[in-house]
PDB file of N, CA and C in Angstrom:
ATOM      1  N   MET A   1       0.919  -1.116   0.590  1.00  0.00           N
ATOM      2  CA  MET A   1      -0.403   0.277  -0.157  1.00  0.00           C
ATOM      3  C   MET A   1       1.141   1.337  -0.050  1.00  0.00           C
ATOM      4  N   SER A   2       0.781   1.892  -0.698  1.00  0.00           N
ATOM      5  CA  SER A   2       1.292   3.332  -0.834  1.00  0.00           C
ATOM      6  C   SER A   2       0.955   4.202   0.302  1.00  0.00           C
ATOM      7  N   ASP A   3       1.999   5.524   0.247  1.00  0.00           N
ATOM      8  CA  ASP A   3       2.121   6.520   1.903  1.00  0.00           C
ATOM      9  C   ASP A   3       0.103   6.971   1.445  1.00  0.00           C
ATOM     10  N   LEU A   4       0.268   7.330  -0.145  1.00  0.00           N
ATOM     11  CA  LEU A   4      -0.717   7.768   0.064  1.00  0.00           C
ATOM     12  C   LEU A   4      -1.820   7.722   0.231  1.00  0.00           C
ATOM     13  N   ASN A   5      -1.755   5.636  -0.028  1.00  0.00           N
ATOM     14  CA  ASN A   5      -3.450   5.537   0.626  1.00  0.00           C
ATOM     15  C   ASN A   5      -3.526   4.991   1.654  1.00  0.00           C
ATOM     16  N   ALA A   6      -2.369   4.545   2.695  1.00  0.00           N
ATOM     17  CA  ALA A   6      -1.969   4.698   3.763  1.00  0.00           C
ATOM     18  C   ALA A   6      -2.821   6.630   4.444  1.00  0.00           C
ATOM     19  N   LEU A   7      -2.167   7.245   4.271  1.00  0.00           N
ATOM     20  CA  LEU A   7      -2.603   9.050   4.424  1.00  0.00           C
ATOM     21  C   LEU A   7      -4.708   8.562   3.686  1.00  0.00           C
ATOM     22  N   PHE A   8      -4.758   8.687   3.226  1.00  0.00           N
ATOM     23  CA  PHE A   8      -6.587   8.323   3.061  1.00  0.00           C
ATOM     24  C   PHE A   8      -6.698   7.807   3.634  1.00  0.00           C
ATOM     25  N   ASP A   9      -6.320   6.536   3.945  1.00  0.00           N
ATOM     26  CA  ASP A   9      -7.141   5.157   4.732  1.00  0.00           C
ATOM     27  C   ASP A   9      -7.726   6.157   6.610  1.00  0.00           C
ATOM     28  N   ALA A  10      -6.356   7.091   6.632  1.00  0.00           N
ATOM     29  CA  ALA A  10      -6.434   7.313   7.875  1.00  0.00           C
ATOM     30  C   ALA A  10      -7.160   8.674   7.655  1.00  0.00           C
ATOM     31  N   ALA A  11      -7.308   8.826   6.496  1.00  0.00           N
ATOM     32  CA  ALA A  11      -8.117  10.541   6.609  1.00  0.00           C
ATOM     33  C   ALA A  11      -9.486   9.892   7.049  1.00  0.00           C
ATOM     34  N   GLN A  12     -10.235   9.231   6.166  1.00  0.00           N
ATOM     35  CA  GLN A  12     -11.596   8.454   6.242  1.00  0.00           C
ATOM     36  C   GLN A  12     -11.378   8.038   7.797  1.00  0.00           C
ATOM     37  N   ALA A  13     -10.911   7.720   8.281  1.00  0.00           N
ATOM     38  CA  ALA A  13     -11.120   6.917   9.860  1.00  0.00           C
ATOM     39  C   ALA A  13     -11.431   8.411  10.832  1.00  0.00           C
ATOM     40  N   ASN A  14      -9.632   9.674  10.422  1.00  0.00           N
ATOM     41  CA  ASN A  14     -10.219  10.693  11.215  1.00  0.00           C
ATOM     42  C   ASN A  14     -11.317  11.507  11.040  1.00  0.00           C
ATOM     43  N   SER A  15     -12.178  11.182   9.555  1.00  0.00           N
ATOM     44  CA  SER A  15     -13.279  11.887   8.826  1.00  0.00           C
ATOM     45  C   SER A  15     -14.826  11.704  10.272  1.00  0.00           C
ATOM     46  N   LYS A  16     -14.398  10.456  11.040  1.00  0.00           N
ATOM     47  CA  LYS A  16     -15.394   9.894  11.553  1.00  0.00           C
ATOM     48  C   LYS A  16     -15.119  10.585  13.021  1.00  0.00           C
ATOM     49  N   LEU A  17     -13.879  10.750  13.363  1.00  0.00           N
ATOM     50  CA  LEU A  17     -13.642  11.366  14.472  1.00  0.00           C
ATOM     51  C   LEU A  17     -13.742  13.176  15.138  1.00  0.00           C
ATOM     52  N   LEU A  18     -14.106  13.427  14.298  1.00  0.00           N
ATOM     53  CA  LEU A  18     -13.922  14.859  14.278  1.00  0.00           C
ATOM     54  C   LEU A  18     -14.823  15.831  15.596  1.00  0.00           C
ATOM     55  N   THR A  19     -14.203  16.572  15.631  1.00  0.00           N
ATOM     56  CA  THR A  19     -15.678  17.256  17.471  1.00  0.00           C
ATOM     57  C   THR A  19     -16.506  17.874  16.757  1.00  0.00           C
ATOM     58  N   GLU A  20     -16.545  18.662  15.767  1.00  0.00           N
ATOM     59  CA  GLU A  20     -17.839  19.190  15.709  1.00  0.00           C
ATOM     60  C   GLU A  20     -17.880  18.655  13.860  1.00  0.00           C
ATOM     61  N   ARG A  21     -19.294  18.503  14.272  1.00  0.00           N
ATOM     62  CA  ARG A  21     -19.516  18.247  12.428  1.00  0.00           C
ATOM     63  C   ARG A  21     -19.751  19.243  11.974  1.00  0.00           C
ATOM     64  N   PRO A  22     -19.214  19.128  10.634  1.00  0.00           N
ATOM     65  CA  PRO A  22     -18.664  20.409   9.396  1.00  0.00           C
ATOM     66  C   PRO A  22     -20.342  20.983   9.353  1.00  0.00           C
ATOM     67  N   ASP A  23     -20.038  22.058   8.238  1.00  0.00           N
ATOM     68  CA  ASP A  23     -21.626  22.185   7.612  1.00  0.00           C
ATOM     69  C   ASP A  23     -21.733  21.624   6.689  1.00  0.00           C
ATOM     70  N   ASN A  24     -22.751  21.686   5.867  1.00  0.00           N
ATOM     71  CA  ASN A  24     -23.121  21.269   5.048  1.00  0.00           C
ATOM     72  C   ASN A  24     -22.669  21.114   3.618  1.00  0.00           C
ATOM     73  N   PRO A  25     -22.028  22.659   3.614  1.00  0.00           N
ATOM     74  CA  PRO A  25     -21.187  22.578   1.749  1.00  0.00           C
ATOM     75  C   PRO A  25     -19.533  22.111   1.979  1.00  0.00           C
ATOM     76  N   THR A  26     -19.071  21.988   3.844  1.00  0.00           N
ATOM     77  CA  THR A  26     -18.206  21.130   3.923  1.00  0.00           C
ATOM     78  C   THR A  26     -18.125  20.041   3.652  1.00  0.00           C
ATOM     79  N   LEU A  27     -19.277  19.438   4.103  1.00  0.00           N
ATOM     80  CA  LEU A  27     -19.626  18.097   4.034  1.00  0.00           C
ATOM     81  C   LEU A  27     -20.288  17.704   2.761  1.00  0.00           C
ATOM     82  N   LEU A  28     -20.514  18.200   1.444  1.00  0.00           N
ATOM     83  CA  LEU A  28     -20.388  18.075   0.874  1.00  0.00           C
ATOM     84  C   LEU A  28     -18.788  18.371  -0.260  1.00  0.00           C
ATOM     85  N   LYS A  29     -18.568  18.930   0.274  1.00  0.00           N
ATOM     86  CA  LYS A  29     -16.527  19.146  -0.388  1.00  0.00           C
ATOM     87  C   LYS A  29     -16.196  17.723   0.140  1.00  0.00           C
ATOM     88  N   ILE A  30     -16.487  17.210   1.486  1.00  0.00           N
ATOM     89  CA  ILE A  30     -15.633  16.375   1.849  1.00  0.00           C
ATOM     90  C   ILE A  30     -16.111  14.872   0.428  1.00  0.00           C
ATOM     91  N   TYR A  31     -17.519  14.779   0.512  1.00  0.00           N
ATOM     92  CA  TYR A  31     -18.394  13.878  -0.172  1.00  0.00           C
ATOM     93  C   TYR A  31     -17.530  13.857  -1.519  1.00  0.00           C
ATOM     94  N   GLY A  32     -17.229  14.855  -2.320  1.00  0.00           N
ATOM     95  CA  GLY A  32     -16.994  14.708  -3.742  1.00  0.00           C
ATOM     96  C   GLY A  32     -15.705  14.346  -3.748  1.00  0.00           C
ATOM     97  N   LEU A  33     -14.660  14.773  -2.471  1.00  0.00           N
ATOM     98  CA  LEU A  33     -13.457  13.905  -2.989  1.00  0.00           C
ATOM     99  C   LEU A  33     -13.432  12.710  -2.802  1.00  0.00           C
ATOM    100  N   PHE A  34     -14.086  12.222  -1.720  1.00  0.00           N
ATOM    101  CA  PHE A  34     -14.046  11.242  -2.002  1.00  0.00           C
ATOM    102  C   PHE A  34     -14.537  10.055  -2.877  1.00  0.00           C
ATOM    103  N   LYS A  35     -15.300  10.627  -3.596  1.00  0.00           N
ATOM    104  CA  LYS A  35     -16.325   9.900  -4.645  1.00  0.00           C
ATOM    105  C   LYS A  35     -15.025  10.070  -4.826  1.00  0.00           C
ATOM    106  N   GLN A  36     -14.730  10.975  -5.945  1.00  0.00           N
ATOM    107  CA  GLN A  36     -13.412  11.897  -7.446  1.00  0.00           C
ATOM    108  C   GLN A  36     -12.359  10.088  -7.149  1.00  0.00           C
ATOM    109  N   ALA A  37     -11.919  10.480  -5.453  1.00  0.00           N
ATOM    110  CA  ALA A  37     -10.889   9.771  -5.211  1.00  0.00           C
ATOM    111  C   ALA A  37     -10.981   7.920  -5.567  1.00  0.00           C
ATOM    112  N   THR A  38     -12.007   7.969  -4.236  1.00  0.00           N
ATOM    113  CA  THR A  38     -12.573   6.245  -4.771  1.00  0.00           C
ATOM    114  C   THR A  38     -13.162   6.235  -6.211  1.00  0.00           C
ATOM    115  N   GLN A  39     -14.034   6.374  -7.423  1.00  0.00           N
ATOM    116  CA  GLN A  39     -14.539   6.063  -7.812  1.00  0.00           C
ATOM    117  C   GLN A  39     -14.161   6.784  -9.385  1.00  0.00           C
ATOM    118  N   GLY A  40     -13.571   7.966  -9.419  1.00  0.00           N
ATOM    119  CA  GLY A  40     -13.734   8.883 -10.246  1.00  0.00           C
ATOM    120  C   GLY A  40     -14.411   9.584 -11.033  1.00  0.00           C
ATOM    121  N   ASP A  41     -14.270  10.547 -12.407  1.00  0.00           N
ATOM    122  CA  ASP A  41     -15.672  11.058 -12.243  1.00  0.00           C
ATOM    123  C   ASP A  41     -17.182  10.768 -12.785  1.00  0.00           C
ATOM    124  N   ASN A  42     -17.814  11.726 -12.283  1.00  0.00           N
ATOM    125  CA  ASN A  42     -19.088  10.890 -12.011  1.00  0.00           C
ATOM    126  C   ASN A  42     -19.507  10.568 -13.494  1.00  0.00           C
ATOM    127  N   THR A  43     -20.298   9.771 -14.496  1.00  0.00           N
ATOM    128  CA  THR A  43     -20.481   9.568 -15.270  1.00  0.00           C
ATOM    129  C   THR A  43     -22.658   8.808 -15.266  1.00  0.00           C
ATOM    130  N   ALA A  44     -22.943   9.475 -13.865  1.00  0.00           N
ATOM    131  CA  ALA A  44     -24.377   8.963 -13.529  1.00  0.00           C
ATOM    132  C   ALA A  44     -25.247  10.317 -13.874  1.00  0.00           C
ATOM    133  N   LYS A  45     -26.532   9.969 -14.475  1.00  0.00           N
ATOM    134  CA  LYS A  45     -27.326  11.298 -15.045  1.00  0.00           C
ATOM    135  C   LYS A  45     -27.773  11.839 -13.139  1.00  0.00           C
ATOM    136  N   ARG A  46     -27.465  13.306 -13.902  1.00  0.00           N
ATOM    137  CA  ARG A  46     -28.353  13.956 -13.091  1.00  0.00           C
ATOM    138  C   ARG A  46     -29.451  13.792 -12.030  1.00  0.00           C
ATOM    139  N   PRO A  47     -29.497  14.273 -10.740  1.00  0.00           N
ATOM    140  CA  PRO A  47     -30.820  13.245 -10.170  1.00  0.00           C
ATOM    141  C   PRO A  47     -32.210  14.832 -10.228  1.00  0.00           C
ATOM    142  N   SER A  48     -33.274  14.179 -10.768  1.00  0.00           N
ATOM    143  CA  SER A  48     -34.297  14.873 -10.434  1.00  0.00           C
ATOM    144  C   SER A  48     -34.216  16.498  -9.571  1.00  0.00           C
ATOM    145  N   PHE A  49     -34.894  17.616  -9.966  1.00  0.00           N
ATOM    146  CA  PHE A  49     -34.816  18.398  -9.465  1.00  0.00           C
ATOM    147  C   PHE A  49     -34.925  18.348  -8.080  1.00  0.00           C
ATOM    148  N   SER A  50     -36.847  17.595  -7.498  1.00  0.00           N
ATOM    149  CA  SER A  50     -37.125  17.366  -6.845  1.00  0.00           C
ATOM    150  C   SER A  50     -36.207  16.595  -5.516  1.00  0.00           C
ATOM    151  N   ASP A  51     -35.207  16.093  -6.119  1.00  0.00           N
ATOM    152  CA  ASP A  51     -34.463  14.808  -5.313  1.00  0.00           C
ATOM    153  C   ASP A  51     -32.931  16.150  -4.778  1.00  0.00           C
ATOM    154  N   PHE A  52     -33.322  17.323  -3.753  1.00  0.00           N
ATOM    155  CA  PHE A  52     -32.678  17.900  -3.673  1.00  0.00           C
ATOM    156  C   PHE A  52     -31.132  17.034  -2.897  1.00  0.00           C
ATOM    157  N   VAL A  53     -31.071  15.860  -2.141  1.00  0.00           N
ATOM    158  CA  VAL A  53     -29.662  15.870  -1.773  1.00  0.00           C
ATOM    159  C   VAL A  53     -29.208  14.868  -2.705  1.00  0.00           C
ATOM    160  N   ALA A  54     -29.382  14.542  -3.638  1.00  0.00           N
ATOM    161  CA  ALA A  54     -28.927  13.698  -4.175  1.00  0.00           C
ATOM    162  C   ALA A  54     -28.469  14.762  -5.272  1.00  0.00           C
ATOM    163  N   ARG A  55     -28.812  15.314  -5.663  1.00  0.00           N
ATOM    164  CA  ARG A  55     -28.618  16.070  -6.820  1.00  0.00           C
ATOM    165  C   ARG A  55     -27.555  17.056  -6.053  1.00  0.00           C
ATOM    166  N   ALA A  56     -27.457  17.864  -4.435  1.00  0.00           N
ATOM    167  CA  ALA A  56     -26.752  18.738  -4.189  1.00  0.00           C
ATOM    168  C   ALA A  56     -25.124  17.546  -4.446  1.00  0.00           C
ATOM    169  N   LYS A  57     -25.567  15.953  -4.018  1.00  0.00           N
ATOM    170  CA  LYS A  57     -24.496  15.277  -3.976  1.00  0.00           C
ATOM    171  C   LYS A  57     -23.589  15.096  -5.173  1.00  0.00           C
ATOM    172  N   TRP A  58     -24.784  14.933  -6.399  1.00  0.00           N
ATOM    173  CA  TRP A  58     -23.813  15.329  -7.956  1.00  0.00           C
ATOM    174  C   TRP A  58     -23.502  15.973  -8.241  1.00  0.00           C
ATOM    175  N   ASP A  59     -23.667  16.766  -7.650  1.00  0.00           N
ATOM    176  CA  ASP A  59     -23.290  18.427  -8.355  1.00  0.00           C
ATOM    177  C   ASP A  59     -21.687  18.543  -7.326  1.00  0.00           C
ATOM    178  N   ALA A  60     -21.502  18.234  -6.302  1.00  0.00           N
ATOM    179  CA  ALA A  60     -20.517  17.831  -5.483  1.00  0.00           C
ATOM    180  C   ALA A  60     -19.309  17.052  -5.992  1.00  0.00           C
ATOM    181  N   TRP A  61     -19.533  16.254  -5.950  1.00  0.00           N
ATOM    182  CA  TRP A  61     -18.882  15.263  -6.825  1.00  0.00           C
ATOM    183  C   TRP A  61     -18.589  15.449  -8.554  1.00  0.00           C
ATOM    184  N   SER A  62     -19.415  15.671  -9.011  1.00  0.00           N
ATOM    185  CA  SER A  62     -18.781  16.295 -10.735  1.00  0.00           C
ATOM    186  C   SER A  62     -18.595  17.581 -10.218  1.00  0.00           C
ATOM    187  N   SER A  63     -17.952  18.419  -9.652  1.00  0.00           N
ATOM    188  CA  SER A  63     -17.822  19.643  -9.308  1.00  0.00           C
ATOM    189  C   SER A  63     -15.795  18.590  -9.617  1.00  0.00           C
ATOM    190  N   HIS A  64     -15.891  17.672  -9.255  1.00  0.00           N
ATOM    191  CA  HIS A  64     -14.487  17.315  -9.180  1.00  0.00           C
ATOM    192  C   HIS A  64     -13.767  16.970 -10.425  1.00  0.00           C
ATOM    193  N   LYS A  65     -14.750  16.985 -11.898  1.00  0.00           N
ATOM    194  CA  LYS A  65     -14.489  15.877 -12.325  1.00  0.00           C
ATOM    195  C   LYS A  65     -12.917  16.479 -13.685  1.00  0.00           C
ATOM    196  N   GLY A  66     -12.230  15.053 -14.029  1.00  0.00           N
ATOM    197  CA  GLY A  66     -10.814  15.615 -14.554  1.00  0.00           C
ATOM    198  C   GLY A  66     -10.183  15.544 -13.221  1.00  0.00           C
ATOM    199  N   VAL A  67     -10.570  15.268 -12.343  1.00  0.00           N
ATOM    200  CA  VAL A  67      -9.234  15.539 -11.096  1.00  0.00           C
ATOM    201  C   VAL A  67      -8.903  14.192 -10.883  1.00  0.00           C
ATOM    202  N   SER A  68      -7.721  14.086 -10.407  1.00  0.00           N
ATOM    203  CA  SER A  68      -7.199  12.441 -10.663  1.00  0.00           C
ATOM    204  C   SER A  68      -7.538  11.713  -9.332  1.00  0.00           C
ATOM    205  N   ALA A  69      -7.624  10.696  -9.088  1.00  0.00           N
ATOM    206  CA  ALA A  69      -7.504   9.717  -8.057  1.00  0.00           C
ATOM    207  C   ALA A  69      -6.786  10.505  -6.991  1.00  0.00           C
ATOM    208  N   ASP A  70      -5.107  10.275  -7.365  1.00  0.00           N
ATOM    209  CA  ASP A  70      -4.079  10.868  -6.069  1.00  0.00           C
ATOM    210  C   ASP A  70      -3.986  12.013  -5.864  1.00  0.00           C
ATOM    211  N   GLU A  71      -4.404  13.382  -6.858  1.00  0.00           N
ATOM    212  CA  GLU A  71      -4.796  14.827  -6.918  1.00  0.00           C
ATOM    213  C   GLU A  71      -6.489  14.598  -4.992  1.00  0.00           C
ATOM    214  N   ALA A  72      -7.085  13.759  -6.189  1.00  0.00           N
ATOM    215  CA  ALA A  72      -8.341  14.065  -4.695  1.00  0.00           C
ATOM    216  C   ALA A  72      -8.360  13.169  -3.581  1.00  0.00           C
ATOM    217  N   LYS A  73      -7.649  12.298  -3.435  1.00  0.00           N
ATOM    218  CA  LYS A  73      -6.938  12.051  -1.876  1.00  0.00           C
ATOM    219  C   LYS A  73      -6.221  13.282  -1.202  1.00  0.00           C
ATOM    220  N   ARG A  74      -5.362  13.330  -2.356  1.00  0.00           N
ATOM    221  CA  ARG A  74      -4.460  14.723  -1.581  1.00  0.00           C
ATOM    222  C   ARG A  74      -4.942  15.703  -0.685  1.00  0.00           C
ATOM    223  N   LYS A  75      -6.203  16.315  -1.608  1.00  0.00           N
ATOM    224  CA  LYS A  75      -6.971  17.210  -1.620  1.00  0.00           C
ATOM    225  C   LYS A  75      -8.397  17.023  -0.203  1.00  0.00           C
ATOM    226  N   TYR A  76      -8.598  15.824   0.004  1.00  0.00           N
ATOM    227  CA  TYR A  76      -9.149  14.546   0.969  1.00  0.00           C
ATOM    228  C   TYR A  76      -8.776  14.874   2.241  1.00  0.00           C
ATOM    229  N   ILE A  77      -7.675  14.594   2.383  1.00  0.00           N
ATOM    230  CA  ILE A  77      -6.556  13.856   3.298  1.00  0.00           C
ATOM    231  C   ILE A  77      -6.232  15.415   3.886  1.00  0.00           C
ATOM    232  N   GLU A  78      -6.277  17.057   2.721  1.00  0.00           N
ATOM    233  CA  GLU A  78      -5.996  18.157   3.395  1.00  0.00           C
ATOM    234  C   GLU A  78      -6.927  18.763   4.530  1.00  0.00           C
ATOM    235  N   LEU A  79      -7.903  19.030   3.858  1.00  0.00           N
ATOM    236  CA  LEU A  79      -9.388  19.465   4.115  1.00  0.00           C
ATOM    237  C   LEU A  79     -10.247  18.426   5.592  1.00  0.00           C
ATOM    238  N   ILE A  80      -9.317  17.359   4.682  1.00  0.00           N
ATOM    239  CA  ILE A  80      -9.864  16.428   7.506  1.00  0.00           C
ATOM    240  C   ILE A  80      -8.724  16.634   8.105  1.00  0.00           C
ATOM    241  N   ASP A  81      -7.871  16.659   7.613  1.00  0.00           N
ATOM    242  CA  ASP A  81      -6.680  17.594   8.362  1.00  0.00           C
ATOM    243  C   ASP A  81      -6.558  18.770   8.962  1.00  0.00           C
ATOM    244  N   SER A  82      -7.326  20.056   7.861  1.00  0.00           N
ATOM    245  CA  SER A  82      -7.393  21.225   8.271  1.00  0.00           C
ATOM    246  C   SER A  82      -8.563  21.525   9.559  1.00  0.00           C
ATOM    247  N   LEU A  83     -10.235  20.469   9.496  1.00  0.00           N
ATOM    248  CA  LEU A  83     -11.384  20.671  10.287  1.00  0.00           C
ATOM    249  C   LEU A  83     -10.691  20.117  11.275  1.00  0.00           C
ATOM    250  N   ARG A  84      -9.174  18.556  11.564  1.00  0.00           N
ATOM    251  CA  ARG A  84      -9.379  18.623  12.505  1.00  0.00           C
ATOM    252  C   ARG A  84      -8.420  19.271  13.703  1.00  0.00           C
ATOM    253  N   ALA A  85      -8.006  19.737  13.098  1.00  0.00           N
ATOM    254  CA  ALA A  85      -6.975  21.562  13.293  1.00  0.00           C
ATOM    255  C   ALA A  85      -7.713  22.438  13.737  1.00  0.00           C
ATOM    256  N   GLY A  86      -8.443  22.676  13.820  1.00  0.00           N
ATOM    257  CA  GLY A  86      -9.810  23.656  13.977  1.00  0.00           C
ATOM    258  C   GLY A  86      -9.989  24.973  13.743  1.00  0.00           C
TER     259      GLY A  86
END
């Protein structure tokens, strides 16, 4: 396992240990980076306008289109670390 993958796994674990719940925009950024890092570009059809949560998640993921898995992992790690530092 590479160092990046080990750090990414640690950041995933640390995301569950945050002392304060992040605000919704930050949660969506975490979600989008995680999905980009683990699944690549979003190829799913955009959810309907009436499904607000699914649409927000889809938009968050799609906002990282074209970002490599390694770069998304680095950004995810940095974001979780910044939240832990408070």
